[in-house]
Amino acid sequence: MKITLQPLIDFITDFNLNTAEVVSFNAKICFSSTFFSTIVEGNVEIINIHGKNINVVYLLGEDIEKYGVPNMFEDEHHKIEYQPNDCVIVKGRSESFDNYTIKIYPEKMLQK
């Protein structure tokens, strides 16, 4: 695993997610902004762009595309936090949604 952002490392470790080059897992994704909110299920991938030390979180799935919510988050442009044993939180801003928050709950947690 080449992830270098400590909140993501803690999240991956706490939930015993795979530690391959691409960390991939199913999750419940809660999106909320000033104007819109939704909860969807999808796939999440976390990678590190080699040589640039940039961690990226991708949200994949039909519902993500259907609602047009942001689906790529680089740690240098977004605030990424981890609530221990709960979820990853991504905070950002876009023209379409203004300020937004995304909470990512891994499927492994949902099965407990």
PDB file of N, CA and C in Angstrom:
ATOM      1  N   MET A   1       0.854  -1.178   0.000  1.00  0.00           N
ATOM      2  CA  MET A   1       0.000   0.000   0.000  1.00  0.00           C
ATOM      3  C   MET A   1       0.893   1.233   0.000  1.00  0.00           C
ATOM      4  N   LYS A   2       0.615   2.155  -0.901  1.00  0.00           N
ATOM      5  CA  LYS A   2       1.416   3.365  -1.024  1.00  0.00           C
ATOM      6  C   LYS A   2       0.682   4.603  -0.526  1.00  0.00           C
ATOM      7  N   ILE A   3      -0.473   4.439   0.096  1.00  0.00           N
ATOM      8  CA  ILE A   3      -1.232   5.580   0.593  1.00  0.00           C
ATOM      9  C   ILE A   3      -0.388   6.291   1.643  1.00  0.00           C
ATOM     10  N   THR A   4      -0.352   7.623   1.589  1.00  0.00           N
ATOM     11  CA  THR A   4       0.517   8.365   2.498  1.00  0.00           C
ATOM     12  C   THR A   4      -0.225   9.313   3.435  1.00  0.00           C
ATOM     13  N   LEU A   5      -1.511   9.540   3.230  1.00  0.00           N
ATOM     14  CA  LEU A   5      -2.270  10.439   4.088  1.00  0.00           C
ATOM     15  C   LEU A   5      -2.721   9.679   5.338  1.00  0.00           C
ATOM     16  N   GLN A   6      -2.334  10.152   6.500  1.00  0.00           N
ATOM     17  CA  GLN A   6      -2.566   9.416   7.746  1.00  0.00           C
ATOM     18  C   GLN A   6      -4.034   9.072   8.000  1.00  0.00           C
ATOM     19  N   PRO A   7      -4.994   9.989   7.790  1.00  0.00           N
ATOM     20  CA  PRO A   7      -6.391   9.584   8.003  1.00  0.00           C
ATOM     21  C   PRO A   7      -6.803   8.396   7.124  1.00  0.00           C
ATOM     22  N   LEU A   8      -6.332   8.337   5.883  1.00  0.00           N
ATOM     23  CA  LEU A   8      -6.657   7.207   5.014  1.00  0.00           C
ATOM     24  C   LEU A   8      -5.951   5.937   5.462  1.00  0.00           C
ATOM     25  N   ILE A   9      -4.710   6.063   5.901  1.00  0.00           N
ATOM     26  CA  ILE A   9      -3.976   4.896   6.419  1.00  0.00           C
ATOM     27  C   ILE A   9      -4.714   4.323   7.626  1.00  0.00           C
ATOM     28  N   ASP A  10      -5.128   5.187   8.549  1.00  0.00           N
ATOM     29  CA  ASP A  10      -5.852   4.734   9.746  1.00  0.00           C
ATOM     30  C   ASP A  10      -7.161   4.050   9.374  1.00  0.00           C
ATOM     31  N   PHE A  11      -7.892   4.627   8.435  1.00  0.00           N
ATOM     32  CA  PHE A  11      -9.156   4.056   7.974  1.00  0.00           C
ATOM     33  C   PHE A  11      -8.940   2.664   7.383  1.00  0.00           C
ATOM     34  N   ILE A  12      -7.988   2.544   6.477  1.00  0.00           N
ATOM     35  CA  ILE A  12      -7.696   1.265   5.816  1.00  0.00           C
ATOM     36  C   ILE A  12      -7.283   0.220   6.835  1.00  0.00           C
ATOM     37  N   THR A  13      -6.465   0.615   7.789  1.00  0.00           N
ATOM     38  CA  THR A  13      -5.997  -0.304   8.828  1.00  0.00           C
ATOM     39  C   THR A  13      -7.142  -0.730   9.747  1.00  0.00           C
ATOM     40  N   ASP A  14      -7.909   0.229  10.239  1.00  0.00           N
ATOM     41  CA  ASP A  14      -8.992  -0.077  11.181  1.00  0.00           C
ATOM     42  C   ASP A  14     -10.047  -1.000  10.583  1.00  0.00           C
ATOM     43  N   PHE A  15     -10.327  -0.845   9.297  1.00  0.00           N
ATOM     44  CA  PHE A  15     -11.353  -1.666   8.663  1.00  0.00           C
ATOM     45  C   PHE A  15     -10.780  -2.872   7.932  1.00  0.00           C
ATOM     46  N   ASN A  16      -9.476  -3.080   8.089  1.00  0.00           N
ATOM     47  CA  ASN A  16      -8.830  -4.267   7.525  1.00  0.00           C
ATOM     48  C   ASN A  16      -9.105  -4.391   6.024  1.00  0.00           C
ATOM     49  N   LEU A  17      -9.054  -3.259   5.333  1.00  0.00           N
ATOM     50  CA  LEU A  17      -9.288  -3.257   3.893  1.00  0.00           C
ATOM     51  C   LEU A  17      -8.035  -3.735   3.188  1.00  0.00           C
ATOM     52  N   ASN A  18      -8.167  -4.144   1.935  1.00  0.00           N
ATOM     53  CA  ASN A  18      -7.003  -4.663   1.226  1.00  0.00           C
ATOM     54  C   ASN A  18      -5.924  -3.590   1.146  1.00  0.00           C
ATOM     55  N   THR A  19      -4.704  -4.021   1.066  1.00  0.00           N
ATOM     56  CA  THR A  19      -3.581  -3.080   1.032  1.00  0.00           C
ATOM     57  C   THR A  19      -2.823  -3.167  -0.282  1.00  0.00           C
ATOM     58  N   ALA A  20      -3.533  -3.453  -1.344  1.00  0.00           N
ATOM     59  CA  ALA A  20      -2.924  -3.520  -2.674  1.00  0.00           C
ATOM     60  C   ALA A  20      -2.650  -2.106  -3.173  1.00  0.00           C
ATOM     61  N   GLU A  21      -2.126  -2.007  -4.370  1.00  0.00           N
ATOM     62  CA  GLU A  21      -1.861  -0.694  -4.969  1.00  0.00           C
ATOM     63  C   GLU A  21      -3.129   0.150  -5.015  1.00  0.00           C
ATOM     64  N   VAL A  22      -4.244  -0.490  -5.327  1.00  0.00           N
ATOM     65  CA  VAL A  22      -5.541   0.188  -5.322  1.00  0.00           C
ATOM     66  C   VAL A  22      -6.376  -0.435  -4.213  1.00  0.00           C
ATOM     67  N   VAL A  23      -6.763   0.378  -3.247  1.00  0.00           N
ATOM     68  CA  VAL A  23      -7.638  -0.091  -2.181  1.00  0.00           C
ATOM     69  C   VAL A  23      -9.064   0.070  -2.698  1.00  0.00           C
ATOM     70  N   SER A  24      -9.800  -1.029  -2.788  1.00  0.00           N
ATOM     71  CA  SER A  24     -11.128  -1.016  -3.383  1.00  0.00           C
ATOM     72  C   SER A  24     -12.117  -1.706  -2.448  1.00  0.00           C
ATOM     73  N   PHE A  25     -13.274  -1.084  -2.236  1.00  0.00           N
ATOM     74  CA  PHE A  25     -14.279  -1.676  -1.353  1.00  0.00           C
ATOM     75  C   PHE A  25     -15.644  -1.069  -1.671  1.00  0.00           C
ATOM     76  N   ASN A  26     -16.690  -1.795  -1.306  1.00  0.00           N
ATOM     77  CA  ASN A  26     -18.057  -1.302  -1.437  1.00  0.00           C
ATOM     78  C   ASN A  26     -18.399  -0.483  -0.204  1.00  0.00           C
ATOM     79  N   ALA A  27     -19.256   0.518  -0.401  1.00  0.00           N
ATOM     80  CA  ALA A  27     -19.571   1.409   0.712  1.00  0.00           C
ATOM     81  C   ALA A  27     -20.930   2.060   0.551  1.00  0.00           C
ATOM     82  N   LYS A  28     -21.435   2.538   1.679  1.00  0.00           N
ATOM     83  CA  LYS A  28     -22.578   3.438   1.672  1.00  0.00           C
ATOM     84  C   LYS A  28     -21.972   4.842   1.641  1.00  0.00           C
ATOM     85  N   ILE A  29     -22.463   5.667   0.726  1.00  0.00           N
ATOM     86  CA  ILE A  29     -21.898   6.989   0.514  1.00  0.00           C
ATOM     87  C   ILE A  29     -22.992   8.024   0.772  1.00  0.00           C
ATOM     88  N   CYS A  30     -22.762   8.879   1.746  1.00  0.00           N
ATOM     89  CA  CYS A  30     -23.733   9.918   2.100  1.00  0.00           C
ATOM     90  C   CYS A  30     -23.202  11.261   1.612  1.00  0.00           C
ATOM     91  N   PHE A  31     -23.934  11.877   0.706  1.00  0.00           N
ATOM     92  CA  PHE A  31     -23.539  13.162   0.138  1.00  0.00           C
ATOM     93  C   PHE A  31     -24.500  14.233   0.630  1.00  0.00           C
ATOM     94  N   SER A  32     -23.957  15.347   1.102  1.00  0.00           N
ATOM     95  CA  SER A  32     -24.831  16.462   1.484  1.00  0.00           C
ATOM     96  C   SER A  32     -24.156  17.784   1.120  1.00  0.00           C
ATOM     97  N   SER A  33     -25.007  18.686   0.632  1.00  0.00           N
ATOM     98  CA  SER A  33     -24.539  20.026   0.288  1.00  0.00           C
ATOM     99  C   SER A  33     -25.617  21.013   0.703  1.00  0.00           C
ATOM    100  N   THR A  34     -25.383  22.251   0.389  1.00  0.00           N
ATOM    101  CA  THR A  34     -26.353  23.288   0.709  1.00  0.00           C
ATOM    102  C   THR A  34     -27.689  23.028   0.029  1.00  0.00           C
ATOM    103  N   PHE A  35     -27.646  22.449  -1.177  1.00  0.00           N
ATOM    104  CA  PHE A  35     -28.845  22.326  -1.997  1.00  0.00           C
ATOM    105  C   PHE A  35     -29.363  20.911  -2.203  1.00  0.00           C
ATOM    106  N   PHE A  36     -28.574  19.901  -1.865  1.00  0.00           N
ATOM    107  CA  PHE A  36     -28.936  18.537  -2.244  1.00  0.00           C
ATOM    108  C   PHE A  36     -28.276  17.537  -1.299  1.00  0.00           C
ATOM    109  N   SER A  37     -28.984  16.461  -1.026  1.00  0.00           N
ATOM    110  CA  SER A  37     -28.372  15.365  -0.258  1.00  0.00           C
ATOM    111  C   SER A  37     -28.942  14.041  -0.751  1.00  0.00           C
ATOM    112  N   THR A  38     -28.126  13.003  -0.645  1.00  0.00           N
ATOM    113  CA  THR A  38     -28.550  11.672  -1.053  1.00  0.00           C
ATOM    114  C   THR A  38     -27.657  10.640  -0.381  1.00  0.00           C
ATOM    115  N   ILE A  39     -28.153   9.418  -0.311  1.00  0.00           N
ATOM    116  CA  ILE A  39     -27.376   8.280   0.184  1.00  0.00           C
ATOM    117  C   ILE A  39     -27.417   7.225  -0.905  1.00  0.00           C
ATOM    118  N   VAL A  40     -26.241   6.760  -1.313  1.00  0.00           N
ATOM    119  CA  VAL A  40     -26.147   5.746  -2.365  1.00  0.00           C
ATOM    120  C   VAL A  40     -25.148   4.679  -1.944  1.00  0.00           C
ATOM    121  N   GLU A  41     -25.191   3.560  -2.634  1.00  0.00           N
ATOM    122  CA  GLU A  41     -24.174   2.536  -2.463  1.00  0.00           C
ATOM    123  C   GLU A  41     -23.308   2.536  -3.706  1.00  0.00           C
ATOM    124  N   GLY A  42     -22.030   2.301  -3.518  1.00  0.00           N
ATOM    125  CA  GLY A  42     -21.121   2.291  -4.654  1.00  0.00           C
ATOM    126  C   GLY A  42     -19.788   1.697  -4.275  1.00  0.00           C
ATOM    127  N   ASN A  43     -18.882   1.748  -5.216  1.00  0.00           N
ATOM    128  CA  ASN A  43     -17.532   1.262  -4.989  1.00  0.00           C
ATOM    129  C   ASN A  43     -16.629   2.461  -4.752  1.00  0.00           C
ATOM    130  N   VAL A  44     -15.683   2.291  -3.837  1.00  0.00           N
ATOM    131  CA  VAL A  44     -14.715   3.334  -3.533  1.00  0.00           C
ATOM    132  C   VAL A  44     -13.332   2.782  -3.827  1.00  0.00           C
ATOM    133  N   GLU A  45     -12.508   3.583  -4.491  1.00  0.00           N
ATOM    134  CA  GLU A  45     -11.118   3.214  -4.725  1.00  0.00           C
ATOM    135  C   GLU A  45     -10.230   4.327  -4.190  1.00  0.00           C
ATOM    136  N   ILE A  46      -9.183   3.918  -3.494  1.00  0.00           N
ATOM    137  CA  ILE A  46      -8.212   4.865  -2.949  1.00  0.00           C
ATOM    138  C   ILE A  46      -6.860   4.512  -3.533  1.00  0.00           C
ATOM    139  N   ILE A  47      -6.209   5.497  -4.137  1.00  0.00           N
ATOM    140  CA  ILE A  47      -4.902   5.254  -4.749  1.00  0.00           C
ATOM    141  C   ILE A  47      -3.943   6.381  -4.379  1.00  0.00           C
ATOM    142  N   ASN A  48      -2.676   6.126  -4.643  1.00  0.00           N
ATOM    143  CA  ASN A  48      -1.643   7.151  -4.518  1.00  0.00           C
ATOM    144  C   ASN A  48      -1.020   7.323  -5.892  1.00  0.00           C
ATOM    145  N   ILE A  49      -0.940   8.567  -6.348  1.00  0.00           N
ATOM    146  CA  ILE A  49      -0.297   8.833  -7.639  1.00  0.00           C
ATOM    147  C   ILE A  49       1.204   8.861  -7.398  1.00  0.00           C
ATOM    148  N   HIS A  50       1.876   7.859  -7.931  1.00  0.00           N
ATOM    149  CA  HIS A  50       3.306   7.691  -7.707  1.00  0.00           C
ATOM    150  C   HIS A  50       4.090   8.903  -8.177  1.00  0.00           C
ATOM    151  N   GLY A  51       5.079   9.271  -7.412  1.00  0.00           N
ATOM    152  CA  GLY A  51       5.957  10.364  -7.779  1.00  0.00           C
ATOM    153  C   GLY A  51       5.417  11.739  -7.418  1.00  0.00           C
ATOM    154  N   LYS A  52       4.120  11.820  -7.152  1.00  0.00           N
ATOM    155  CA  LYS A  52       3.537  13.118  -6.813  1.00  0.00           C
ATOM    156  C   LYS A  52       3.058  13.174  -5.367  1.00  0.00           C
ATOM    157  N   ASN A  53       3.041  12.025  -4.701  1.00  0.00           N
ATOM    158  CA  ASN A  53       2.594  11.928  -3.318  1.00  0.00           C
ATOM    159  C   ASN A  53       1.193  12.521  -3.132  1.00  0.00           C
ATOM    160  N   ILE A  54       0.311  12.242  -4.092  1.00  0.00           N
ATOM    161  CA  ILE A  54      -1.078  12.696  -4.028  1.00  0.00           C
ATOM    162  C   ILE A  54      -1.968  11.472  -3.824  1.00  0.00           C
ATOM    163  N   ASN A  55      -2.772  11.509  -2.782  1.00  0.00           N
ATOM    164  CA  ASN A  55      -3.743  10.448  -2.532  1.00  0.00           C
ATOM    165  C   ASN A  55      -5.068  10.852  -3.162  1.00  0.00           C
ATOM    166  N   VAL A  56      -5.719   9.884  -3.824  1.00  0.00           N
ATOM    167  CA  VAL A  56      -6.970  10.170  -4.527  1.00  0.00           C
ATOM    168  C   VAL A  56      -8.029   9.163  -4.086  1.00  0.00           C
ATOM    169  N   VAL A  57      -9.220   9.667  -3.804  1.00  0.00           N
ATOM    170  CA  VAL A  57     -10.377   8.835  -3.487  1.00  0.00           C
ATOM    171  C   VAL A  57     -11.355   8.961  -4.652  1.00  0.00           C
ATOM    172  N   TYR A  58     -11.737   7.816  -5.223  1.00  0.00           N
ATOM    173  CA  TYR A  58     -12.708   7.778  -6.326  1.00  0.00           C
ATOM    174  C   TYR A  58     -13.996   7.125  -5.844  1.00  0.00           C
ATOM    175  N   LEU A  59     -15.126   7.677  -6.267  1.00  0.00           N
ATOM    176  CA  LEU A  59     -16.432   7.060  -6.028  1.00  0.00           C
ATOM    177  C   LEU A  59     -16.939   6.545  -7.362  1.00  0.00           C
ATOM    178  N   LEU A  60     -17.303   5.268  -7.407  1.00  0.00           N
ATOM    179  CA  LEU A  60     -17.739   4.647  -8.653  1.00  0.00           C
ATOM    180  C   LEU A  60     -19.124   4.036  -8.468  1.00  0.00           C
ATOM    181  N   GLY A  61     -19.948   4.143  -9.486  1.00  0.00           N
ATOM    182  CA  GLY A  61     -21.259   3.510  -9.439  1.00  0.00           C
ATOM    183  C   GLY A  61     -22.284   4.301 -10.205  1.00  0.00           C
ATOM    184  N   GLU A  62     -23.325   3.608 -10.615  1.00  0.00           N
ATOM    185  CA  GLU A  62     -24.391   4.230 -11.413  1.00  0.00           C
ATOM    186  C   GLU A  62     -25.074   5.372 -10.677  1.00  0.00           C
ATOM    187  N   ASP A  63     -25.337   5.203  -9.381  1.00  0.00           N
ATOM    188  CA  ASP A  63     -26.036   6.245  -8.639  1.00  0.00           C
ATOM    189  C   ASP A  63     -25.181   7.500  -8.494  1.00  0.00           C
ATOM    190  N   ILE A  64     -23.879   7.339  -8.373  1.00  0.00           N
ATOM    191  CA  ILE A  64     -22.979   8.492  -8.309  1.00  0.00           C
ATOM    192  C   ILE A  64     -23.115   9.295  -9.596  1.00  0.00           C
ATOM    193  N   GLU A  65     -23.070   8.595 -10.720  1.00  0.00           N
ATOM    194  CA  GLU A  65     -23.200   9.260 -12.022  1.00  0.00           C
ATOM    195  C   GLU A  65     -24.589   9.872 -12.200  1.00  0.00           C
ATOM    196  N   LYS A  66     -25.621   9.132 -11.768  1.00  0.00           N
ATOM    197  CA  LYS A  66     -26.999   9.590 -11.943  1.00  0.00           C
ATOM    198  C   LYS A  66     -27.237  10.944 -11.273  1.00  0.00           C
ATOM    199  N   TYR A  67     -26.694  11.119 -10.066  1.00  0.00           N
ATOM    200  CA  TYR A  67     -26.919  12.366  -9.335  1.00  0.00           C
ATOM    201  C   TYR A  67     -25.872  13.432  -9.654  1.00  0.00           C
ATOM    202  N   GLY A  68     -24.821  13.068 -10.369  1.00  0.00           N
ATOM    203  CA  GLY A  68     -23.816  14.040 -10.772  1.00  0.00           C
ATOM    204  C   GLY A  68     -22.979  14.600  -9.640  1.00  0.00           C
ATOM    205  N   VAL A  69     -22.912  13.854  -8.534  1.00  0.00           N
ATOM    206  CA  VAL A  69     -22.107  14.344  -7.411  1.00  0.00           C
ATOM    207  C   VAL A  69     -20.615  14.198  -7.741  1.00  0.00           C
ATOM    208  N   PRO A  70     -19.775  15.013  -7.130  1.00  0.00           N
ATOM    209  CA  PRO A  70     -18.346  14.877  -7.369  1.00  0.00           C
ATOM    210  C   PRO A  70     -17.893  13.447  -7.073  1.00  0.00           C
ATOM    211  N   ASN A  71     -16.925  12.957  -7.854  1.00  0.00           N
ATOM    212  CA  ASN A  71     -16.530  11.557  -7.684  1.00  0.00           C
ATOM    213  C   ASN A  71     -15.020  11.346  -7.604  1.00  0.00           C
ATOM    214  N   MET A  72     -14.241  12.407  -7.577  1.00  0.00           N
ATOM    215  CA  MET A  72     -12.795  12.280  -7.440  1.00  0.00           C
ATOM    216  C   MET A  72     -12.287  13.346  -6.473  1.00  0.00           C
ATOM    217  N   PHE A  73     -11.494  12.906  -5.497  1.00  0.00           N
ATOM    218  CA  PHE A  73     -11.046  13.817  -4.451  1.00  0.00           C
ATOM    219  C   PHE A  73      -9.551  13.629  -4.210  1.00  0.00           C
ATOM    220  N   GLU A  74      -8.780  14.649  -4.503  1.00  0.00           N
ATOM    221  CA  GLU A  74      -7.342  14.623  -4.239  1.00  0.00           C
ATOM    222  C   GLU A  74      -7.101  15.282  -2.887  1.00  0.00           C
ATOM    223  N   ASP A  75      -6.189  14.691  -2.106  1.00  0.00           N
ATOM    224  CA  ASP A  75      -5.966  15.232  -0.769  1.00  0.00           C
ATOM    225  C   ASP A  75      -5.379  16.639  -0.784  1.00  0.00           C
ATOM    226  N   GLU A  76      -4.801  17.065  -1.897  1.00  0.00           N
ATOM    227  CA  GLU A  76      -4.264  18.422  -1.933  1.00  0.00           C
ATOM    228  C   GLU A  76      -5.343  19.474  -2.212  1.00  0.00           C
ATOM    229  N   HIS A  77      -6.539  19.052  -2.645  1.00  0.00           N
ATOM    230  CA  HIS A  77      -7.623  19.985  -2.950  1.00  0.00           C
ATOM    231  C   HIS A  77      -8.861  19.793  -2.084  1.00  0.00           C
ATOM    232  N   HIS A  78      -8.884  18.753  -1.268  1.00  0.00           N
ATOM    233  CA  HIS A  78     -10.037  18.454  -0.424  1.00  0.00           C
ATOM    234  C   HIS A  78      -9.566  18.153   0.985  1.00  0.00           C
ATOM    235  N   LYS A  79     -10.424  18.401   1.931  1.00  0.00           N
ATOM    236  CA  LYS A  79     -10.122  18.042   3.314  1.00  0.00           C
ATOM    237  C   LYS A  79     -10.620  16.616   3.535  1.00  0.00           C
ATOM    238  N   ILE A  80      -9.713  15.725   3.901  1.00  0.00           N
ATOM    239  CA  ILE A  80     -10.066  14.325   4.129  1.00  0.00           C
ATOM    240  C   ILE A  80      -9.779  13.996   5.584  1.00  0.00           C
ATOM    241  N   GLU A  81     -10.826  13.548   6.283  1.00  0.00           N
ATOM    242  CA  GLU A  81     -10.721  13.219   7.701  1.00  0.00           C
ATOM    243  C   GLU A  81     -11.204  11.791   7.921  1.00  0.00           C
ATOM    244  N   TYR A  82     -10.886  11.270   9.091  1.00  0.00           N
ATOM    245  CA  TYR A  82     -11.358   9.936   9.457  1.00  0.00           C
ATOM    246  C   TYR A  82     -11.947   9.994  10.850  1.00  0.00           C
ATOM    247  N   GLN A  83     -13.186   9.542  10.988  1.00  0.00           N
ATOM    248  CA  GLN A  83     -13.790   9.359  12.298  1.00  0.00           C
ATOM    249  C   GLN A  83     -13.527   7.909  12.670  1.00  0.00           C
ATOM    250  N   PRO A  84     -12.674   7.661  13.657  1.00  0.00           N
ATOM    251  CA  PRO A  84     -12.273   6.285  13.981  1.00  0.00           C
ATOM    252  C   PRO A  84     -13.452   5.322  14.122  1.00  0.00           C
ATOM    253  N   ASN A  85     -13.284   4.180  13.456  1.00  0.00           N
ATOM    254  CA  ASN A  85     -14.270   3.100  13.463  1.00  0.00           C
ATOM    255  C   ASN A  85     -15.647   3.525  12.975  1.00  0.00           C
ATOM    256  N   ASP A  86     -15.701   4.556  12.137  1.00  0.00           N
ATOM    257  CA  ASP A  86     -16.973   5.031  11.632  1.00  0.00           C
ATOM    258  C   ASP A  86     -16.910   5.272  10.123  1.00  0.00           C
ATOM    259  N   CYS A  87     -16.259   6.348   9.688  1.00  0.00           N
ATOM    260  CA  CYS A  87     -16.277   6.693   8.267  1.00  0.00           C
ATOM    261  C   CYS A  87     -15.145   7.638   7.890  1.00  0.00           C
ATOM    262  N   VAL A  88     -14.906   7.741   6.595  1.00  0.00           N
ATOM    263  CA  VAL A  88     -14.031   8.764   6.034  1.00  0.00           C
ATOM    264  C   VAL A  88     -14.928   9.925   5.645  1.00  0.00           C
ATOM    265  N   ILE A  89     -14.475  11.134   5.907  1.00  0.00           N
ATOM    266  CA  ILE A  89     -15.234  12.332   5.563  1.00  0.00           C
ATOM    267  C   ILE A  89     -14.408  13.152   4.581  1.00  0.00           C
ATOM    268  N   VAL A  90     -15.039  13.516   3.473  1.00  0.00           N
ATOM    269  CA  VAL A  90     -14.397  14.365   2.470  1.00  0.00           C
ATOM    270  C   VAL A  90     -15.193  15.665   2.400  1.00  0.00           C
ATOM    271  N   LYS A  91     -14.486  16.787   2.518  1.00  0.00           N
ATOM    272  CA  LYS A  91     -15.140  18.090   2.416  1.00  0.00           C
ATOM    273  C   LYS A  91     -14.546  18.833   1.233  1.00  0.00           C
ATOM    274  N   GLY A  92     -15.433  19.426   0.446  1.00  0.00           N
ATOM    275  CA  GLY A  92     -14.974  20.152  -0.723  1.00  0.00           C
ATOM    276  C   GLY A  92     -15.967  21.208  -1.153  1.00  0.00           C
ATOM    277  N   ARG A  93     -15.703  21.741  -2.330  1.00  0.00           N
ATOM    278  CA  ARG A  93     -16.566  22.781  -2.893  1.00  0.00           C
ATOM    279  C   ARG A  93     -16.605  22.596  -4.402  1.00  0.00           C
ATOM    280  N   SER A  94     -17.779  22.765  -4.989  1.00  0.00           N
ATOM    281  CA  SER A  94     -17.912  22.696  -6.447  1.00  0.00           C
ATOM    282  C   SER A  94     -18.893  23.766  -6.904  1.00  0.00           C
ATOM    283  N   GLU A  95     -18.830  24.098  -8.179  1.00  0.00           N
ATOM    284  CA  GLU A  95     -19.760  25.086  -8.731  1.00  0.00           C
ATOM    285  C   GLU A  95     -21.204  24.595  -8.644  1.00  0.00           C
ATOM    286  N   SER A  96     -21.403  23.315  -8.883  1.00  0.00           N
ATOM    287  CA  SER A  96     -22.762  22.762  -8.905  1.00  0.00           C
ATOM    288  C   SER A  96     -23.391  22.639  -7.526  1.00  0.00           C
ATOM    289  N   PHE A  97     -22.564  22.301  -6.508  1.00  0.00           N
ATOM    290  CA  PHE A  97     -23.121  21.982  -5.196  1.00  0.00           C
ATOM    291  C   PHE A  97     -22.677  22.923  -4.080  1.00  0.00           C
ATOM    292  N   ASP A  98     -21.826  23.898  -4.382  1.00  0.00           N
ATOM    293  CA  ASP A  98     -21.284  24.786  -3.356  1.00  0.00           C
ATOM    294  C   ASP A  98     -20.464  23.928  -2.380  1.00  0.00           C
ATOM    295  N   ASN A  99     -20.518  24.213  -1.103  1.00  0.00           N
ATOM    296  CA  ASN A  99     -19.796  23.393  -0.126  1.00  0.00           C
ATOM    297  C   ASN A  99     -20.516  22.061   0.042  1.00  0.00           C
ATOM    298  N   TYR A 100     -19.743  20.976   0.131  1.00  0.00           N
ATOM    299  CA  TYR A 100     -20.354  19.666   0.310  1.00  0.00           C
ATOM    300  C   TYR A 100     -19.525  18.805   1.255  1.00  0.00           C
ATOM    301  N   THR A 101     -20.183  17.801   1.787  1.00  0.00           N
ATOM    302  CA  THR A 101     -19.552  16.806   2.655  1.00  0.00           C
ATOM    303  C   THR A 101     -19.970  15.431   2.172  1.00  0.00           C
ATOM    304  N   ILE A 102     -19.005  14.533   2.112  1.00  0.00           N
ATOM    305  CA  ILE A 102     -19.279  13.147   1.750  1.00  0.00           C
ATOM    306  C   ILE A 102     -18.770  12.262   2.882  1.00  0.00           C
ATOM    307  N   LYS A 103     -19.623  11.376   3.351  1.00  0.00           N
ATOM    308  CA  LYS A 103     -19.224  10.395   4.364  1.00  0.00           C
ATOM    309  C   LYS A 103     -19.249   9.023   3.714  1.00  0.00           C
ATOM    310  N   ILE A 104     -18.156   8.288   3.888  1.00  0.00           N
ATOM    311  CA  ILE A 104     -17.989   6.980   3.266  1.00  0.00           C
ATOM    312  C   ILE A 104     -17.939   5.922   4.366  1.00  0.00           C
ATOM    313  N   TYR A 105     -18.949   5.042   4.372  1.00  0.00           N
ATOM    314  CA  TYR A 105     -19.059   3.963   5.351  1.00  0.00           C
ATOM    315  C   TYR A 105     -18.759   2.649   4.642  1.00  0.00           C
ATOM    316  N   PRO A 106     -17.653   1.981   4.962  1.00  0.00           N
ATOM    317  CA  PRO A 106     -17.316   0.748   4.253  1.00  0.00           C
ATOM    318  C   PRO A 106     -18.310  -0.369   4.532  1.00  0.00           C
ATOM    319  N   GLU A 107     -18.534  -1.197   3.517  1.00  0.00           N
ATOM    320  CA  GLU A 107     -19.467  -2.318   3.626  1.00  0.00           C
ATOM    321  C   GLU A 107     -19.111  -3.234   4.788  1.00  0.00           C
ATOM    322  N   LYS A 108     -17.841  -3.431   5.055  1.00  0.00           N
ATOM    323  CA  LYS A 108     -17.430  -4.294   6.164  1.00  0.00           C
ATOM    324  C   LYS A 108     -18.022  -3.806   7.478  1.00  0.00           C
ATOM    325  N   MET A 109     -18.090  -2.490   7.649  1.00  0.00           N
ATOM    326  CA  MET A 109     -18.667  -1.936   8.861  1.00  0.00           C
ATOM    327  C   MET A 109     -20.170  -2.191   8.884  1.00  0.00           C
ATOM    328  N   LEU A 110     -20.814  -2.097   7.749  1.00  0.00           N
ATOM    329  CA  LEU A 110     -22.259  -2.268   7.686  1.00  0.00           C
ATOM    330  C   LEU A 110     -22.669  -3.699   8.035  1.00  0.00           C
ATOM    331  N   GLN A 111     -21.760  -4.663   7.849  1.00  0.00           N
ATOM    332  CA  GLN A 111     -22.083  -6.058   8.132  1.00  0.00           C
ATOM    333  C   GLN A 111     -21.898  -6.435   9.599  1.00  0.00           C
ATOM    334  N   LYS A 112     -21.295  -5.554  10.397  1.00  0.00           N
ATOM    335  CA  LYS A 112     -21.035  -5.867  11.816  1.00  0.00           C
ATOM    336  C   LYS A 112     -22.312  -5.958  12.594  1.00  0.00           C
TER     337      LYS A 112
END
